[in-house]
Amino acid sequence: MLTPSELAWFALASLLLVLTPGPNMIYCVSRTLCQGRGAGVVSLAGVLVGFLVHLVAASLGLTALLAAVPFAFDTVRLAGAAYLLWLAWQAVRPGGQAPFAARTLPVDPPGRLFRMGFLTNLLNPKVAMFYLSFFPQFLHPERGPVLWQSALLGAVQIGVSGAVNLLLVLGAASITAVLSRSEGWLRAQRWLMGSVLALLALRIATDGRKAAP
């Protein structure tokens, strides 16, 4: 199965997914600022269920791909490295989006909050690309069933995402107020994210591991 070092690298990648500006974080923070912490927590619950759908789809898809076309495993892995470089550029490019940007939303009942959180994640291409680009970097077909390894990685990613987003929801007002007054911190955070993403891409591109036949 996966080693502690590999799980630590994946947890770091999962943390970057949470902190990199995207629909999930912006929606949860915006919903909290507009309607309160309870609304943010319900919205986050919907987001986490959306992660489960992405996880099952990616796990089954990668398992089928490896069984049908083994050599395609490395192709997906290198495509994932290229996607990471693109994310790194998006983080550091001039005029990049601030991580805690929020938008005004109407007041909605809990059921709609949950559905909106679910759909926001389900339709988020960044999440789908994360699973398809990151999972192949950490899967080792020679160590056992790819499906079970994917489930372990998914548990780590959902756990990290849930914990970080919950902290953001609970402290959304104070965090946004502090960060909005510090352009230097926002700029440093973007460059830190971009640098780590680029390093991960380099690690992936230079990894000589091959998929098992």
C-alpha atoms as a PDB file:
ATOM      1  CA  MET A   1       0.000   0.000   0.000  1.00  0.00           C
ATOM      2  CA  LEU A   2       1.048   3.642   0.318  1.00  0.00           C
ATOM      3  CA  THR A   3       3.898   4.788   2.563  1.00  0.00           C
ATOM      4  CA  PRO A   4       3.597   7.559   5.192  1.00  0.00           C
ATOM      5  CA  SER A   5       5.831   9.776   3.026  1.00  0.00           C
ATOM      6  CA  GLU A   6       3.574   9.343   0.016  1.00  0.00           C
ATOM      7  CA  LEU A   7       0.482  10.085   2.085  1.00  0.00           C
ATOM      8  CA  ALA A   8       2.175  13.216   3.467  1.00  0.00           C
ATOM      9  CA  TRP A   9       2.909  14.471  -0.073  1.00  0.00           C
ATOM     10  CA  PHE A  10      -0.674  13.785  -1.065  1.00  0.00           C
ATOM     11  CA  ALA A  11      -1.994  15.560   2.030  1.00  0.00           C
ATOM     12  CA  LEU A  12       0.087  18.597   1.033  1.00  0.00           C
ATOM     13  CA  ALA A  13      -1.364  18.488  -2.476  1.00  0.00           C
ATOM     14  CA  SER A  14      -4.850  18.232  -0.971  1.00  0.00           C
ATOM     15  CA  LEU A  15      -4.153  21.249   1.209  1.00  0.00           C
ATOM     16  CA  LEU A  16      -3.147  23.249  -1.857  1.00  0.00           C
ATOM     17  CA  LEU A  17      -6.378  22.236  -3.575  1.00  0.00           C
ATOM     18  CA  VAL A  18      -8.335  23.678  -0.650  1.00  0.00           C
ATOM     19  CA  LEU A  19      -6.354  26.929  -0.451  1.00  0.00           C
ATOM     20  CA  THR A  20      -6.067  27.591  -4.184  1.00  0.00           C
ATOM     21  CA  PRO A  21      -8.916  29.958  -5.194  1.00  0.00           C
ATOM     22  CA  GLY A  22     -11.844  28.019  -6.589  1.00  0.00           C
ATOM     23  CA  PRO A  23     -15.656  27.739  -6.583  1.00  0.00           C
ATOM     24  CA  ASN A  24     -15.886  25.541  -3.468  1.00  0.00           C
ATOM     25  CA  MET A  25     -13.973  27.814  -1.114  1.00  0.00           C
ATOM     26  CA  ILE A  26     -15.429  31.014  -2.517  1.00  0.00           C
ATOM     27  CA  TYR A  27     -18.967  29.611  -2.246  1.00  0.00           C
ATOM     28  CA  CYS A  28     -18.567  28.411   1.363  1.00  0.00           C
ATOM     29  CA  VAL A  29     -16.923  31.649   2.524  1.00  0.00           C
ATOM     30  CA  SER A  30     -19.454  33.818   0.672  1.00  0.00           C
ATOM     31  CA  ARG A  31     -22.375  31.831   2.023  1.00  0.00           C
ATOM     32  CA  THR A  32     -21.023  32.158   5.569  1.00  0.00           C
ATOM     33  CA  LEU A  33     -20.520  35.911   5.260  1.00  0.00           C
ATOM     34  CA  CYS A  34     -24.009  36.406   3.804  1.00  0.00           C
ATOM     35  CA  GLN A  35     -26.039  33.985   5.915  1.00  0.00           C
ATOM     36  CA  GLY A  36     -23.983  32.889   8.944  1.00  0.00           C
ATOM     37  CA  ARG A  37     -21.851  29.948  10.057  1.00  0.00           C
ATOM     38  CA  GLY A  38     -24.732  27.458  10.069  1.00  0.00           C
ATOM     39  CA  ALA A  39     -25.378  28.106   6.387  1.00  0.00           C
ATOM     40  CA  GLY A  40     -21.667  27.725   5.682  1.00  0.00           C
ATOM     41  CA  VAL A  41     -21.524  24.356   7.450  1.00  0.00           C
ATOM     42  CA  VAL A  42     -24.568  23.022   5.560  1.00  0.00           C
ATOM     43  CA  SER A  43     -23.063  24.224   2.275  1.00  0.00           C
ATOM     44  CA  LEU A  44     -19.775  22.533   3.170  1.00  0.00           C
ATOM     45  CA  ALA A  45     -21.629  19.252   3.812  1.00  0.00           C
ATOM     46  CA  GLY A  46     -22.933  19.391   0.260  1.00  0.00           C
ATOM     47  CA  VAL A  47     -19.434  20.103  -1.049  1.00  0.00           C
ATOM     48  CA  LEU A  48     -18.018  17.054   0.755  1.00  0.00           C
ATOM     49  CA  VAL A  49     -20.690  14.774  -0.710  1.00  0.00           C
ATOM     50  CA  GLY A  50     -19.711  16.132  -4.112  1.00  0.00           C
ATOM     51  CA  PHE A  51     -16.143  15.026  -3.406  1.00  0.00           C
ATOM     52  CA  LEU A  52     -17.396  11.470  -2.904  1.00  0.00           C
ATOM     53  CA  VAL A  53     -18.968  11.463  -6.366  1.00  0.00           C
ATOM     54  CA  HIS A  54     -15.722  12.717  -7.945  1.00  0.00           C
ATOM     55  CA  LEU A  55     -13.746  10.132  -5.965  1.00  0.00           C
ATOM     56  CA  VAL A  56     -15.849   7.168  -7.081  1.00  0.00           C
ATOM     57  CA  ALA A  57     -15.820   8.296 -10.711  1.00  0.00           C
ATOM     58  CA  ALA A  58     -12.049   8.859 -10.781  1.00  0.00           C
ATOM     59  CA  SER A  59     -11.245   5.616  -8.952  1.00  0.00           C
ATOM     60  CA  LEU A  60     -13.355   3.472 -11.252  1.00  0.00           C
ATOM     61  CA  GLY A  61     -12.114   5.316 -14.329  1.00  0.00           C
ATOM     62  CA  LEU A  62      -8.424   4.966 -13.466  1.00  0.00           C
ATOM     63  CA  THR A  63      -8.881   1.294 -12.557  1.00  0.00           C
ATOM     64  CA  ALA A  64     -10.564   0.611 -15.910  1.00  0.00           C
ATOM     65  CA  LEU A  65      -7.910   2.619 -17.793  1.00  0.00           C
ATOM     66  CA  LEU A  66      -5.045   0.721 -16.213  1.00  0.00           C
ATOM     67  CA  ALA A  67      -6.682  -2.614 -16.962  1.00  0.00           C
ATOM     68  CA  ALA A  68      -7.418  -1.728 -20.592  1.00  0.00           C
ATOM     69  CA  VAL A  69      -4.351   0.336 -21.585  1.00  0.00           C
ATOM     70  CA  PRO A  70      -1.485  -0.002 -19.063  1.00  0.00           C
ATOM     71  CA  PHE A  71       0.891   2.353 -20.914  1.00  0.00           C
ATOM     72  CA  ALA A  72      -1.697   5.144 -20.693  1.00  0.00           C
ATOM     73  CA  PHE A  73      -0.999   5.365 -16.952  1.00  0.00           C
ATOM     74  CA  ASP A  74       2.225   7.327 -17.529  1.00  0.00           C
ATOM     75  CA  THR A  75       0.506   9.527 -20.106  1.00  0.00           C
ATOM     76  CA  VAL A  76      -2.082  10.551 -17.515  1.00  0.00           C
ATOM     77  CA  ARG A  77       0.699  11.084 -14.970  1.00  0.00           C
ATOM     78  CA  LEU A  78       2.618  13.487 -17.238  1.00  0.00           C
ATOM     79  CA  ALA A  79      -0.569  15.285 -18.210  1.00  0.00           C
ATOM     80  CA  GLY A  80      -1.153  15.789 -14.497  1.00  0.00           C
ATOM     81  CA  ALA A  81       2.295  17.382 -14.129  1.00  0.00           C
ATOM     82  CA  ALA A  82       1.452  19.809 -16.929  1.00  0.00           C
ATOM     83  CA  TYR A  83      -1.834  20.670 -15.218  1.00  0.00           C
ATOM     84  CA  LEU A  84       0.030  21.435 -11.985  1.00  0.00           C
ATOM     85  CA  LEU A  85       2.295  23.852 -13.832  1.00  0.00           C
ATOM     86  CA  TRP A  86      -0.784  25.580 -15.226  1.00  0.00           C
ATOM     87  CA  LEU A  87      -2.211  25.905 -11.695  1.00  0.00           C
ATOM     88  CA  ALA A  88       1.121  27.321 -10.514  1.00  0.00           C
ATOM     89  CA  TRP A  89       0.975  29.986 -13.232  1.00  0.00           C
ATOM     90  CA  GLN A  90      -2.620  30.829 -12.351  1.00  0.00           C
ATOM     91  CA  ALA A  91      -1.518  31.410  -8.759  1.00  0.00           C
ATOM     92  CA  VAL A  92       1.359  33.802  -9.543  1.00  0.00           C
ATOM     93  CA  ARG A  93       0.245  35.508 -12.768  1.00  0.00           C
ATOM     94  CA  PRO A  94      -0.382  39.264 -12.596  1.00  0.00           C
ATOM     95  CA  GLY A  95      -3.929  39.995 -11.512  1.00  0.00           C
ATOM     96  CA  GLY A  96      -4.430  36.523 -10.024  1.00  0.00           C
ATOM     97  CA  GLN A  97      -7.541  35.984  -7.934  1.00  0.00           C
ATOM     98  CA  ALA A  98      -7.319  36.625  -4.197  1.00  0.00           C
ATOM     99  CA  PRO A  99      -7.852  33.384  -2.254  1.00  0.00           C
ATOM    100  CA  PHE A 100     -10.536  34.847   0.021  1.00  0.00           C
ATOM    101  CA  ALA A 101     -12.553  36.794  -2.523  1.00  0.00           C
ATOM    102  CA  ALA A 102     -16.260  36.580  -1.713  1.00  0.00           C
ATOM    103  CA  ARG A 103     -19.497  37.474  -3.469  1.00  0.00           C
ATOM    104  CA  THR A 104     -22.988  38.421  -2.369  1.00  0.00           C
ATOM    105  CA  LEU A 105     -25.534  35.573  -2.231  1.00  0.00           C
ATOM    106  CA  PRO A 106     -29.267  35.485  -1.393  1.00  0.00           C
ATOM    107  CA  VAL A 107     -30.619  33.867   1.800  1.00  0.00           C
ATOM    108  CA  ASP A 108     -31.641  30.249   1.109  1.00  0.00           C
ATOM    109  CA  PRO A 109     -33.131  27.377   3.198  1.00  0.00           C
ATOM    110  CA  PRO A 110     -30.899  24.455   4.376  1.00  0.00           C
ATOM    111  CA  GLY A 111     -32.010  22.051   1.636  1.00  0.00           C
ATOM    112  CA  ARG A 112     -31.076  24.484  -1.093  1.00  0.00           C
ATOM    113  CA  LEU A 113     -27.802  25.318   0.667  1.00  0.00           C
ATOM    114  CA  PHE A 114     -26.863  21.636   0.651  1.00  0.00           C
ATOM    115  CA  ARG A 115     -27.825  21.177  -2.996  1.00  0.00           C
ATOM    116  CA  MET A 116     -25.949  24.281  -4.066  1.00  0.00           C
ATOM    117  CA  GLY A 117     -22.829  23.155  -2.204  1.00  0.00           C
ATOM    118  CA  PHE A 118     -23.107  19.731  -3.814  1.00  0.00           C
ATOM    119  CA  LEU A 119     -23.592  21.111  -7.327  1.00  0.00           C
ATOM    120  CA  THR A 120     -20.860  23.718  -6.887  1.00  0.00           C
ATOM    121  CA  ASN A 121     -18.399  20.907  -6.209  1.00  0.00           C
ATOM    122  CA  LEU A 122     -19.853  18.408  -8.663  1.00  0.00           C
ATOM    123  CA  LEU A 123     -19.532  20.933 -11.516  1.00  0.00           C
ATOM    124  CA  ASN A 124     -16.110  22.170 -10.392  1.00  0.00           C
ATOM    125  CA  PRO A 125     -13.578  21.136 -13.073  1.00  0.00           C
ATOM    126  CA  LYS A 126     -10.672  21.788 -10.707  1.00  0.00           C
ATOM    127  CA  VAL A 127     -11.776  18.904  -8.474  1.00  0.00           C
ATOM    128  CA  ALA A 128     -12.164  16.472 -11.370  1.00  0.00           C
ATOM    129  CA  MET A 129      -8.743  17.469 -12.726  1.00  0.00           C
ATOM    130  CA  PHE A 130      -7.219  17.126  -9.263  1.00  0.00           C
ATOM    131  CA  TYR A 131      -8.322  13.518  -8.961  1.00  0.00           C
ATOM    132  CA  LEU A 132      -7.323  12.619 -12.511  1.00  0.00           C
ATOM    133  CA  SER A 133      -3.962  14.400 -12.345  1.00  0.00           C
ATOM    134  CA  PHE A 134      -2.873  13.642  -8.773  1.00  0.00           C
ATOM    135  CA  PHE A 135      -4.092  10.109  -8.175  1.00  0.00           C
ATOM    136  CA  PRO A 136      -1.847   8.494 -10.829  1.00  0.00           C
ATOM    137  CA  GLN A 137       1.199  10.096  -9.175  1.00  0.00           C
ATOM    138  CA  PHE A 138       0.571   8.217  -5.937  1.00  0.00           C
ATOM    139  CA  LEU A 139      -0.969   4.957  -7.113  1.00  0.00           C
ATOM    140  CA  HIS A 140       1.228   1.842  -7.262  1.00  0.00           C
ATOM    141  CA  PRO A 141      -0.528  -0.950  -9.183  1.00  0.00           C
ATOM    142  CA  GLU A 142       2.211  -3.394  -8.208  1.00  0.00           C
ATOM    143  CA  ARG A 143       1.302  -2.990  -4.516  1.00  0.00           C
ATOM    144  CA  GLY A 144      -2.314  -4.047  -4.750  1.00  0.00           C
ATOM    145  CA  PRO A 145      -5.748  -3.042  -6.087  1.00  0.00           C
ATOM    146  CA  VAL A 146      -5.785   0.481  -7.498  1.00  0.00           C
ATOM    147  CA  LEU A 147      -9.360   0.930  -6.313  1.00  0.00           C
ATOM    148  CA  TRP A 148      -8.431   0.507  -2.649  1.00  0.00           C
ATOM    149  CA  GLN A 149      -5.424   2.794  -2.965  1.00  0.00           C
ATOM    150  CA  SER A 150      -7.674   5.417  -4.564  1.00  0.00           C
ATOM    151  CA  ALA A 151     -10.137   5.074  -1.690  1.00  0.00           C
ATOM    152  CA  LEU A 152      -7.325   5.715   0.824  1.00  0.00           C
ATOM    153  CA  LEU A 153      -6.147   8.797  -1.066  1.00  0.00           C
ATOM    154  CA  GLY A 154      -9.718  10.006  -1.321  1.00  0.00           C
ATOM    155  CA  ALA A 155     -10.206   9.652   2.427  1.00  0.00           C
ATOM    156  CA  VAL A 156      -7.096  11.773   3.028  1.00  0.00           C
ATOM    157  CA  GLN A 157      -8.201  14.437   0.533  1.00  0.00           C
ATOM    158  CA  ILE A 158     -11.766  14.674   1.839  1.00  0.00           C
ATOM    159  CA  GLY A 159     -10.503  14.782   5.435  1.00  0.00           C
ATOM    160  CA  VAL A 160      -8.070  17.613   4.688  1.00  0.00           C
ATOM    161  CA  SER A 161     -10.616  19.532   2.643  1.00  0.00           C
ATOM    162  CA  GLY A 162     -13.333  19.131   5.264  1.00  0.00           C
ATOM    163  CA  ALA A 163     -11.106  20.234   8.146  1.00  0.00           C
ATOM    164  CA  VAL A 164      -9.658  23.286   6.374  1.00  0.00           C
ATOM    165  CA  ASN A 165     -12.974  24.444   4.937  1.00  0.00           C
ATOM    166  CA  LEU A 166     -14.639  24.058   8.332  1.00  0.00           C
ATOM    167  CA  LEU A 167     -11.984  26.316   9.859  1.00  0.00           C
ATOM    168  CA  LEU A 168     -12.544  28.827   7.048  1.00  0.00           C
ATOM    169  CA  VAL A 169     -16.306  28.764   7.601  1.00  0.00           C
ATOM    170  CA  LEU A 170     -16.011  29.181  11.363  1.00  0.00           C
ATOM    171  CA  GLY A 171     -13.573  32.076  11.009  1.00  0.00           C
ATOM    172  CA  ALA A 172     -14.679  33.491   7.662  1.00  0.00           C
ATOM    173  CA  ALA A 173     -15.522  36.997   8.862  1.00  0.00           C
ATOM    174  CA  SER A 174     -12.326  37.566  10.843  1.00  0.00           C
ATOM    175  CA  ILE A 175     -10.059  35.841   8.297  1.00  0.00           C
ATOM    176  CA  THR A 176     -11.480  37.809   5.387  1.00  0.00           C
ATOM    177  CA  ALA A 177     -11.229  41.081   7.311  1.00  0.00           C
ATOM    178  CA  VAL A 178      -7.561  40.517   8.190  1.00  0.00           C
ATOM    179  CA  LEU A 179      -6.466  39.282   4.771  1.00  0.00           C
ATOM    180  CA  SER A 180      -8.336  41.934   2.853  1.00  0.00           C
ATOM    181  CA  ARG A 181      -6.211  44.571   4.613  1.00  0.00           C
ATOM    182  CA  SER A 182      -2.935  42.888   3.722  1.00  0.00           C
ATOM    183  CA  GLU A 183      -2.144  42.863   0.000  1.00  0.00           C
ATOM    184  CA  GLY A 184       1.400  41.757   0.790  1.00  0.00           C
ATOM    185  CA  TRP A 185       0.149  38.634   2.570  1.00  0.00           C
ATOM    186  CA  LEU A 186      -2.208  37.785  -0.274  1.00  0.00           C
ATOM    187  CA  ARG A 187       0.631  38.172  -2.779  1.00  0.00           C
ATOM    188  CA  ALA A 188       2.995  36.050  -0.658  1.00  0.00           C
ATOM    189  CA  GLN A 189       0.348  33.348  -0.272  1.00  0.00           C
ATOM    190  CA  ARG A 190      -0.167  33.161  -4.033  1.00  0.00           C
ATOM    191  CA  TRP A 191       3.572  32.860  -4.663  1.00  0.00           C
ATOM    192  CA  LEU A 192       3.921  30.182  -1.990  1.00  0.00           C
ATOM    193  CA  MET A 193       1.108  28.162  -3.561  1.00  0.00           C
ATOM    194  CA  GLY A 194       2.571  28.589  -7.026  1.00  0.00           C
ATOM    195  CA  SER A 195       6.056  27.535  -5.902  1.00  0.00           C
ATOM    196  CA  VAL A 196       4.848  24.370  -4.154  1.00  0.00           C
ATOM    197  CA  LEU A 197       2.659  23.421  -7.110  1.00  0.00           C
ATOM    198  CA  ALA A 198       5.608  23.865  -9.470  1.00  0.00           C
ATOM    199  CA  LEU A 199       7.822  21.708  -7.229  1.00  0.00           C
ATOM    200  CA  LEU A 200       5.182  18.984  -7.157  1.00  0.00           C
ATOM    201  CA  ALA A 201       4.950  19.125 -10.950  1.00  0.00           C
ATOM    202  CA  LEU A 202       8.747  18.765 -11.210  1.00  0.00           C
ATOM    203  CA  ARG A 203       8.714  15.815  -8.822  1.00  0.00           C
ATOM    204  CA  ILE A 204       6.016  14.120 -10.867  1.00  0.00           C
ATOM    205  CA  ALA A 205       7.679  14.777 -14.245  1.00  0.00           C
ATOM    206  CA  THR A 206      11.028  13.365 -13.084  1.00  0.00           C
ATOM    207  CA  ASP A 207       9.553  10.307 -11.365  1.00  0.00           C
ATOM    208  CA  GLY A 208      10.685   7.252 -13.297  1.00  0.00           C
ATOM    209  CA  ARG A 209       8.002   4.976 -11.839  1.00  0.00           C
ATOM    210  CA  LYS A 210       6.047   2.963 -14.376  1.00  0.00           C
ATOM    211  CA  ALA A 211       2.700   1.319 -14.144  1.00  0.00           C
ATOM    212  CA  ALA A 212       2.680  -2.435 -13.729  1.00  0.00           C
ATOM    213  CA  PRO A 213       1.640  -4.376 -16.827  1.00  0.00           C
END
